[in-house]
N, C-alpha and C. Protein backbone atom coordinates (compact mmCIF):
# COMPACT_ATOMS: atom_id res chain seq x y z
N MET A 1 12.85 -44.62 112.89
CA MET A 1 12.50 -45.03 111.55
C MET A 1 11.31 -45.98 111.58
N ALA A 2 10.49 -45.89 110.57
CA ALA A 2 9.31 -46.74 110.46
C ALA A 2 9.72 -48.18 110.14
N ASP A 3 8.89 -49.13 110.59
CA ASP A 3 9.13 -50.51 110.21
C ASP A 3 7.81 -51.20 109.91
N LEU A 4 7.90 -52.29 109.18
CA LEU A 4 6.72 -53.03 108.75
C LEU A 4 6.35 -54.06 109.81
N ASP A 5 5.13 -53.99 110.28
CA ASP A 5 4.63 -54.95 111.25
C ASP A 5 4.23 -56.24 110.53
N TYR A 6 3.40 -56.12 109.50
CA TYR A 6 3.00 -57.29 108.71
C TYR A 6 2.49 -56.84 107.34
N ALA A 7 2.48 -57.78 106.40
CA ALA A 7 1.93 -57.54 105.06
C ALA A 7 1.46 -58.87 104.51
N PHE A 8 0.43 -58.83 103.66
CA PHE A 8 -0.11 -60.05 103.07
C PHE A 8 -0.79 -59.73 101.75
N VAL A 9 -1.06 -60.78 100.98
CA VAL A 9 -1.79 -60.69 99.72
C VAL A 9 -3.22 -61.17 99.99
N ALA A 10 -4.20 -60.50 99.39
CA ALA A 10 -5.60 -60.87 99.57
C ALA A 10 -6.36 -60.64 98.26
N ASP A 11 -7.58 -61.14 98.22
CA ASP A 11 -8.45 -60.87 97.07
C ASP A 11 -8.85 -59.40 97.05
N PHE A 12 -9.11 -58.85 98.23
CA PHE A 12 -9.54 -57.45 98.38
C PHE A 12 -9.20 -56.99 99.78
N ALA A 13 -8.84 -55.73 99.93
CA ALA A 13 -8.60 -55.17 101.26
C ALA A 13 -8.90 -53.68 101.24
N ARG A 14 -9.27 -53.17 102.42
CA ARG A 14 -9.49 -51.72 102.57
C ARG A 14 -9.24 -51.33 104.01
N VAL A 15 -8.86 -50.08 104.19
CA VAL A 15 -8.72 -49.50 105.51
C VAL A 15 -10.01 -48.74 105.78
N ASP A 16 -10.68 -49.13 106.84
CA ASP A 16 -11.97 -48.53 107.18
C ASP A 16 -11.78 -47.25 107.97
N PRO A 17 -12.76 -46.34 107.91
CA PRO A 17 -12.66 -45.07 108.63
C PRO A 17 -12.46 -45.23 110.14
N ASN A 18 -12.91 -46.35 110.72
CA ASN A 18 -12.76 -46.55 112.16
C ASN A 18 -11.37 -47.06 112.54
N GLY A 19 -10.47 -47.17 111.54
CA GLY A 19 -9.10 -47.55 111.83
C GLY A 19 -8.85 -49.04 111.83
N THR A 20 -9.73 -49.81 111.21
CA THR A 20 -9.51 -51.25 111.10
C THR A 20 -9.24 -51.62 109.65
N LEU A 21 -8.65 -52.77 109.46
CA LEU A 21 -8.34 -53.30 108.13
C LEU A 21 -9.30 -54.43 107.83
N THR A 22 -10.02 -54.32 106.72
CA THR A 22 -10.90 -55.39 106.27
C THR A 22 -10.25 -56.07 105.08
N ALA A 23 -10.13 -57.40 105.16
CA ALA A 23 -9.53 -58.17 104.06
C ALA A 23 -10.42 -59.35 103.74
N VAL A 24 -10.55 -59.64 102.45
CA VAL A 24 -11.31 -60.79 101.97
C VAL A 24 -10.34 -61.71 101.25
N GLY A 25 -10.39 -62.98 101.56
CA GLY A 25 -9.51 -63.95 100.90
C GLY A 25 -8.06 -63.67 101.18
N ALA A 26 -7.68 -63.48 102.44
CA ALA A 26 -6.33 -63.04 102.79
C ALA A 26 -5.32 -64.18 102.85
N SER A 27 -4.09 -63.82 102.51
CA SER A 27 -2.90 -64.63 102.71
C SER A 27 -2.82 -65.86 101.82
N TRP A 28 -3.10 -65.67 100.53
CA TRP A 28 -2.99 -66.80 99.61
C TRP A 28 -1.64 -66.88 98.94
N THR A 29 -1.32 -68.05 98.41
CA THR A 29 0.01 -68.30 97.84
C THR A 29 -0.03 -68.69 96.37
N HIS A 30 -1.22 -68.84 95.78
CA HIS A 30 -1.29 -69.18 94.36
C HIS A 30 -2.58 -68.62 93.77
N ALA A 31 -2.55 -68.44 92.45
CA ALA A 31 -3.71 -67.95 91.71
C ALA A 31 -3.85 -68.81 90.46
N TRP A 32 -5.06 -69.21 90.17
CA TRP A 32 -5.32 -70.04 89.00
C TRP A 32 -5.78 -69.18 87.83
N VAL A 33 -5.27 -69.48 86.65
CA VAL A 33 -5.74 -68.85 85.40
C VAL A 33 -6.03 -69.95 84.40
N HIS A 34 -6.92 -69.67 83.45
CA HIS A 34 -7.21 -70.66 82.41
C HIS A 34 -6.18 -70.59 81.29
N ASP A 35 -5.67 -69.39 81.07
CA ASP A 35 -4.68 -69.20 80.02
C ASP A 35 -3.95 -67.88 80.29
N VAL A 36 -2.84 -67.69 79.63
CA VAL A 36 -2.12 -66.42 79.70
C VAL A 36 -2.10 -65.82 78.31
N PRO A 37 -2.13 -64.53 78.17
CA PRO A 37 -2.13 -63.53 79.24
C PRO A 37 -3.46 -63.52 80.00
N ALA A 38 -3.39 -63.06 81.22
CA ALA A 38 -4.55 -62.96 82.10
C ALA A 38 -4.37 -61.76 83.02
N ALA A 39 -5.43 -61.41 83.70
CA ALA A 39 -5.38 -60.33 84.69
C ALA A 39 -5.87 -60.90 86.02
N ILE A 40 -5.14 -60.60 87.08
CA ILE A 40 -5.49 -61.08 88.41
C ILE A 40 -5.74 -59.88 89.31
N ARG A 41 -6.90 -59.85 89.93
CA ARG A 41 -7.22 -58.81 90.91
C ARG A 41 -6.68 -59.25 92.27
N LEU A 42 -6.00 -58.33 92.94
CA LEU A 42 -5.48 -58.65 94.26
C LEU A 42 -5.26 -57.39 95.06
N ALA A 43 -4.98 -57.59 96.33
CA ALA A 43 -4.65 -56.48 97.22
C ALA A 43 -3.40 -56.84 98.01
N VAL A 44 -2.62 -55.84 98.34
CA VAL A 44 -1.51 -55.98 99.27
C VAL A 44 -1.85 -55.06 100.44
N ALA A 45 -1.85 -55.64 101.63
CA ALA A 45 -2.26 -54.87 102.80
C ALA A 45 -1.34 -55.16 103.97
N GLY A 46 -1.34 -54.26 104.93
CA GLY A 46 -0.51 -54.48 106.11
C GLY A 46 -0.55 -53.32 107.07
N ARG A 47 0.42 -53.34 107.98
CA ARG A 47 0.52 -52.27 108.98
C ARG A 47 1.97 -51.86 109.15
N MET A 48 2.20 -50.56 109.06
CA MET A 48 3.50 -49.97 109.35
C MET A 48 3.46 -49.40 110.76
N ARG A 49 4.62 -49.38 111.41
CA ARG A 49 4.76 -48.73 112.71
C ARG A 49 5.66 -47.52 112.52
N LEU A 50 5.11 -46.35 112.71
CA LEU A 50 5.87 -45.11 112.60
C LEU A 50 6.25 -44.63 113.99
N GLN A 51 7.36 -43.92 114.05
CA GLN A 51 7.70 -43.23 115.29
C GLN A 51 6.66 -42.14 115.52
N GLU A 52 6.43 -41.81 116.76
CA GLU A 52 5.46 -40.77 117.08
C GLU A 52 5.79 -39.45 116.39
N THR A 53 7.07 -39.22 116.13
CA THR A 53 7.51 -37.97 115.50
C THR A 53 7.35 -37.99 113.98
N GLU A 54 7.15 -39.14 113.38
CA GLU A 54 6.99 -39.24 111.92
C GLU A 54 5.54 -38.96 111.54
N GLN A 55 5.36 -38.10 110.57
CA GLN A 55 4.01 -37.77 110.11
C GLN A 55 3.61 -38.59 108.88
N ALA A 56 4.58 -38.89 108.01
CA ALA A 56 4.28 -39.61 106.77
C ALA A 56 5.56 -40.25 106.25
N ILE A 57 5.39 -41.32 105.48
CA ILE A 57 6.54 -41.95 104.83
C ILE A 57 6.14 -42.36 103.41
N PRO A 58 7.08 -42.25 102.46
CA PRO A 58 6.80 -42.71 101.10
C PRO A 58 6.89 -44.23 101.04
N MET A 59 5.94 -44.85 100.35
CA MET A 59 5.92 -46.30 100.19
C MET A 59 5.78 -46.67 98.73
N ARG A 60 6.12 -47.91 98.42
CA ARG A 60 5.99 -48.44 97.07
C ARG A 60 5.66 -49.92 97.15
N ILE A 61 4.74 -50.34 96.30
CA ILE A 61 4.44 -51.76 96.10
C ILE A 61 4.79 -52.05 94.65
N GLU A 62 5.63 -53.07 94.42
CA GLU A 62 5.97 -53.44 93.05
C GLU A 62 5.82 -54.95 92.87
N MET A 63 5.34 -55.33 91.70
CA MET A 63 5.12 -56.74 91.38
C MET A 63 5.89 -57.07 90.12
N GLU A 64 6.65 -58.17 90.19
CA GLU A 64 7.50 -58.59 89.07
C GLU A 64 7.23 -60.04 88.74
N ASN A 65 7.42 -60.39 87.45
CA ASN A 65 7.32 -61.80 87.07
C ASN A 65 8.61 -62.52 87.42
N SER A 66 8.69 -63.80 87.08
CA SER A 66 9.87 -64.61 87.46
C SER A 66 11.14 -64.14 86.76
N ALA A 67 11.01 -63.41 85.66
CA ALA A 67 12.18 -62.87 84.95
C ALA A 67 12.62 -61.52 85.52
N GLY A 68 11.90 -61.03 86.54
CA GLY A 68 12.25 -59.74 87.14
C GLY A 68 11.68 -58.54 86.40
N GLU A 69 10.76 -58.78 85.47
CA GLU A 69 10.14 -57.68 84.72
C GLU A 69 8.99 -57.10 85.54
N LEU A 70 8.94 -55.78 85.63
CA LEU A 70 7.91 -55.11 86.40
C LEU A 70 6.54 -55.29 85.74
N LEU A 71 5.60 -55.80 86.51
CA LEU A 71 4.22 -55.96 86.04
C LEU A 71 3.38 -54.76 86.46
N VAL A 72 3.50 -54.36 87.72
CA VAL A 72 2.75 -53.25 88.29
C VAL A 72 3.60 -52.62 89.38
N GLY A 73 3.59 -51.31 89.45
CA GLY A 73 4.26 -50.61 90.54
C GLY A 73 3.45 -49.38 90.91
N THR A 74 3.34 -49.11 92.19
CA THR A 74 2.62 -47.93 92.62
C THR A 74 3.31 -47.29 93.82
N ASN A 75 3.39 -45.99 93.80
CA ASN A 75 3.95 -45.20 94.90
C ASN A 75 2.80 -44.53 95.64
N PHE A 76 2.93 -44.43 96.94
CA PHE A 76 1.94 -43.70 97.73
C PHE A 76 2.59 -43.22 99.02
N GLU A 77 1.94 -42.26 99.64
CA GLU A 77 2.44 -41.76 100.91
C GLU A 77 1.52 -42.26 102.02
N LEU A 78 2.11 -42.88 103.01
CA LEU A 78 1.37 -43.37 104.15
C LEU A 78 1.51 -42.34 105.26
N SER A 79 0.37 -41.79 105.70
CA SER A 79 0.45 -40.71 106.68
C SER A 79 -0.47 -40.96 107.86
N ARG A 80 -0.09 -40.37 108.97
CA ARG A 80 -0.88 -40.47 110.19
C ARG A 80 -2.15 -39.64 110.05
N SER A 81 -3.19 -40.11 110.70
CA SER A 81 -4.41 -39.30 110.77
C SER A 81 -4.32 -38.43 112.01
N THR A 82 -5.23 -37.48 112.11
CA THR A 82 -5.21 -36.57 113.26
C THR A 82 -5.57 -37.29 114.56
N ASN A 83 -6.22 -38.46 114.45
CA ASN A 83 -6.59 -39.19 115.67
C ASN A 83 -5.71 -40.41 115.91
N SER A 84 -4.52 -40.48 115.30
CA SER A 84 -3.59 -41.58 115.54
C SER A 84 -3.13 -41.55 117.00
N VAL A 85 -3.05 -42.73 117.59
CA VAL A 85 -2.68 -42.85 119.00
C VAL A 85 -1.45 -43.74 119.11
N ALA A 86 -0.46 -43.26 119.83
CA ALA A 86 0.73 -44.08 120.08
C ALA A 86 0.32 -45.24 120.98
N TYR A 87 0.77 -46.44 120.64
CA TYR A 87 0.33 -47.61 121.39
C TYR A 87 1.46 -48.41 122.00
N ARG A 88 2.69 -48.22 121.59
CA ARG A 88 3.77 -49.04 122.11
C ARG A 88 5.09 -48.34 121.87
N ASP A 89 5.83 -48.07 122.91
CA ASP A 89 7.17 -47.49 122.78
C ASP A 89 7.21 -46.27 121.85
N GLY A 90 6.16 -45.44 121.92
CA GLY A 90 6.14 -44.24 121.08
C GLY A 90 5.90 -44.53 119.61
N ARG A 91 5.30 -45.68 119.29
CA ARG A 91 5.00 -46.05 117.91
C ARG A 91 3.52 -45.84 117.61
N VAL A 92 3.23 -45.57 116.34
CA VAL A 92 1.87 -45.40 115.86
C VAL A 92 1.66 -46.39 114.72
N GLY A 93 0.64 -47.22 114.83
CA GLY A 93 0.34 -48.19 113.77
C GLY A 93 -0.50 -47.55 112.69
N ILE A 94 -0.04 -47.64 111.44
CA ILE A 94 -0.77 -47.08 110.30
C ILE A 94 -1.04 -48.22 109.30
N LEU A 95 -2.31 -48.44 109.01
CA LEU A 95 -2.71 -49.50 108.09
C LEU A 95 -2.66 -49.02 106.65
N PHE A 96 -2.44 -49.97 105.73
CA PHE A 96 -2.50 -49.65 104.31
C PHE A 96 -3.13 -50.79 103.54
N ALA A 97 -3.74 -50.47 102.42
CA ALA A 97 -4.32 -51.46 101.50
C ALA A 97 -4.22 -50.90 100.10
N VAL A 98 -3.61 -51.66 99.22
CA VAL A 98 -3.46 -51.28 97.81
C VAL A 98 -4.11 -52.37 96.97
N ASN A 99 -5.13 -52.02 96.22
CA ASN A 99 -5.80 -52.96 95.32
C ASN A 99 -5.31 -52.71 93.91
N ALA A 100 -5.12 -53.81 93.17
CA ALA A 100 -4.57 -53.68 91.81
C ALA A 100 -5.07 -54.80 90.92
N VAL A 101 -4.97 -54.56 89.63
CA VAL A 101 -5.16 -55.61 88.63
C VAL A 101 -3.79 -55.86 88.04
N VAL A 102 -3.31 -57.09 88.17
CA VAL A 102 -1.96 -57.44 87.73
C VAL A 102 -2.02 -58.22 86.43
N PRO A 103 -1.39 -57.72 85.37
CA PRO A 103 -1.34 -58.47 84.12
C PRO A 103 -0.28 -59.56 84.22
N VAL A 104 -0.65 -60.80 83.97
CA VAL A 104 0.33 -61.88 83.97
C VAL A 104 0.44 -62.45 82.56
N THR A 105 1.66 -62.63 82.13
CA THR A 105 1.91 -63.10 80.77
C THR A 105 2.52 -64.49 80.74
N GLU A 106 2.78 -65.04 81.93
CA GLU A 106 3.38 -66.37 81.99
C GLU A 106 2.96 -67.08 83.26
N ILE A 107 2.99 -68.39 83.19
CA ILE A 107 2.78 -69.21 84.36
C ILE A 107 4.06 -69.14 85.18
N GLY A 108 3.94 -69.06 86.49
CA GLY A 108 5.14 -69.01 87.32
C GLY A 108 4.99 -68.09 88.51
N LEU A 109 6.11 -67.82 89.12
CA LEU A 109 6.17 -67.06 90.36
C LEU A 109 6.04 -65.57 90.11
N VAL A 110 5.26 -64.89 90.96
CA VAL A 110 5.16 -63.44 90.96
C VAL A 110 5.72 -62.95 92.29
N HIS A 111 6.61 -61.98 92.21
CA HIS A 111 7.24 -61.40 93.39
C HIS A 111 6.61 -60.06 93.68
N ILE A 112 6.28 -59.82 94.94
CA ILE A 112 5.74 -58.54 95.38
C ILE A 112 6.72 -57.94 96.38
N GLY A 113 7.20 -56.77 96.10
CA GLY A 113 8.09 -56.06 97.02
C GLY A 113 7.33 -54.96 97.73
N VAL A 114 7.48 -54.90 99.04
CA VAL A 114 6.89 -53.83 99.85
C VAL A 114 8.06 -52.97 100.31
N LEU A 115 8.07 -51.70 99.87
CA LEU A 115 9.17 -50.79 100.18
C LEU A 115 8.66 -49.57 100.92
N ALA A 116 9.50 -49.03 101.78
CA ALA A 116 9.23 -47.75 102.44
C ALA A 116 10.52 -46.97 102.47
N GLN A 117 10.43 -45.72 102.10
CA GLN A 117 11.60 -44.85 102.05
C GLN A 117 12.72 -45.50 101.23
N ASP A 118 12.34 -46.11 100.11
CA ASP A 118 13.25 -46.78 99.17
C ASP A 118 13.98 -47.99 99.75
N LEU A 119 13.54 -48.51 100.88
CA LEU A 119 14.13 -49.72 101.46
C LEU A 119 13.15 -50.87 101.34
N LYS A 120 13.64 -52.02 100.88
CA LYS A 120 12.79 -53.21 100.77
C LYS A 120 12.53 -53.74 102.17
N LEU A 121 11.25 -53.82 102.54
CA LEU A 121 10.87 -54.28 103.87
C LEU A 121 10.38 -55.72 103.88
N ARG A 122 9.74 -56.13 102.78
CA ARG A 122 9.18 -57.47 102.75
C ARG A 122 9.08 -57.95 101.32
N ASP A 123 9.31 -59.25 101.15
CA ASP A 123 9.09 -59.93 99.88
C ASP A 123 7.92 -60.88 100.06
N LEU A 124 6.92 -60.74 99.21
CA LEU A 124 5.78 -61.65 99.18
C LEU A 124 5.79 -62.34 97.83
N TYR A 125 5.27 -63.55 97.75
CA TYR A 125 5.26 -64.30 96.50
C TYR A 125 3.94 -65.02 96.34
N PHE A 126 3.54 -65.21 95.08
CA PHE A 126 2.47 -66.16 94.78
C PHE A 126 2.77 -66.79 93.43
N GLU A 127 2.24 -67.98 93.26
CA GLU A 127 2.48 -68.76 92.04
C GLU A 127 1.25 -68.67 91.16
N VAL A 128 1.44 -68.37 89.87
CA VAL A 128 0.36 -68.40 88.89
C VAL A 128 0.37 -69.79 88.29
N LEU A 129 -0.76 -70.48 88.42
CA LEU A 129 -0.90 -71.86 87.95
C LEU A 129 -1.97 -71.92 86.87
N LYS A 130 -1.78 -72.83 85.92
CA LYS A 130 -2.76 -72.98 84.84
C LYS A 130 -3.77 -74.06 85.20
N ARG A 131 -5.04 -73.73 85.02
CA ARG A 131 -6.13 -74.66 85.29
C ARG A 131 -6.80 -75.02 83.97
N ASP A 132 -7.15 -76.26 83.84
CA ASP A 132 -7.89 -76.73 82.67
C ASP A 132 -9.22 -75.96 82.61
N PRO A 133 -9.52 -75.30 81.48
CA PRO A 133 -10.75 -74.49 81.42
C PRO A 133 -12.03 -75.30 81.58
N PHE A 134 -11.94 -76.62 81.46
CA PHE A 134 -13.13 -77.46 81.59
C PHE A 134 -13.30 -78.03 82.99
N GLN A 135 -12.44 -77.63 83.90
CA GLN A 135 -12.58 -78.09 85.31
C GLN A 135 -13.46 -77.16 86.07
């Protein structure tokens, strides 16, 4: 079964054709807004480890406000490329990057769930904080 090696929140992320992950502004824990409602651009990125025999797995990224209301959710299939190479104990590392615009309607905690095959693998969080518009 596949497992999650790591995941993080960033300003922007992409998986490059050469098999590397590029991230800008990675691993933050809070976002400032002048007022709500607001929209926050962000990325969720990471690396899954698939068994050599696994070709693809269904994944989901979901973001909820502090009341548990879904703000954004996206499903995608993470699949091996033809040049994937097993690197450890018959595992293949597959990178992912999902960029999104998240609508926030309240100040407070945002929860990000990283799921694969309908199993929650990681919980990420960031706090939406209000900044004085004149600062």
